Amino acid sequence: MVEPDRVERYRTRMQRKKAIIDEAIARADREKGLLLILTGSGKGKSSSAFGMLARALGHGMRVGVAQFIKGRSDTGEEAFFSKQNNVIWHVLGEGFTWDTQSLERDTETAQRGWIIVQKMLCDPSINLIVLDELTYPLKFGWLDITSVLNDLKNRPSMQHVVITGRGAPDALCEIADTVTEMADIKHAFRAGIQAQKGIDL
């Protein structure tokens, strides 16, 4: 049996916590389209973004996905989400940079992809857009960051955008509403384990 004084201390602590949380919720009285950045060297950036995609669909929202870098169309997330209503899905990449080995080709591919993204960013009927691995075209200079930032700032006021990828530029993080950095503590790949369906693909 739990000691009565411990029960009382717990109850008092939770009352204080509830008061703090209730006050914070009351202060949050604005609505706006959010810009979220999921960056860092840890696994799970895209997975987190697709979790938000599922959440948005659960609320009947219309969503769009633009995948930079990735050139494959056999991932589990695409197989699932492309069958859902209210989903626009674009695979814009041609594979990793070490596969293409062409700066000119990678730049042209990214710039063609951004034209597609610009159309989505002008469409107020799209409630959430996931720009998967957009940080790499910015990091490598394939896209002009000033133009990208301008397009993001001028999107519809209630449109949410989630950007994933390592090494998110400071300028991108500065205009974001939420930035999450995922840390790499341990990864199965370094132990010689292949990418697994349902986990990595």
Foldseek 3Di string as FASTA:
>chain_A
DDDPVVVVVVVVVVVVVVVVVVVVVVVPPDAWAFEEEEAADAPDQVVVVLVVVVVCVVVVAAEEEEEEQDPDQPAPSNVPPVPDPRYHYHDQYNHHCVVVVDPVVSLVSVVVSVVVVLVVQADPSHAEYEYEAPQVCVVSVSDDVVVVVVSNVPGPTRHYYYYYYYDRDPVSVVPGPYYHYDYHPDDVVVVVDDQDHPRRD
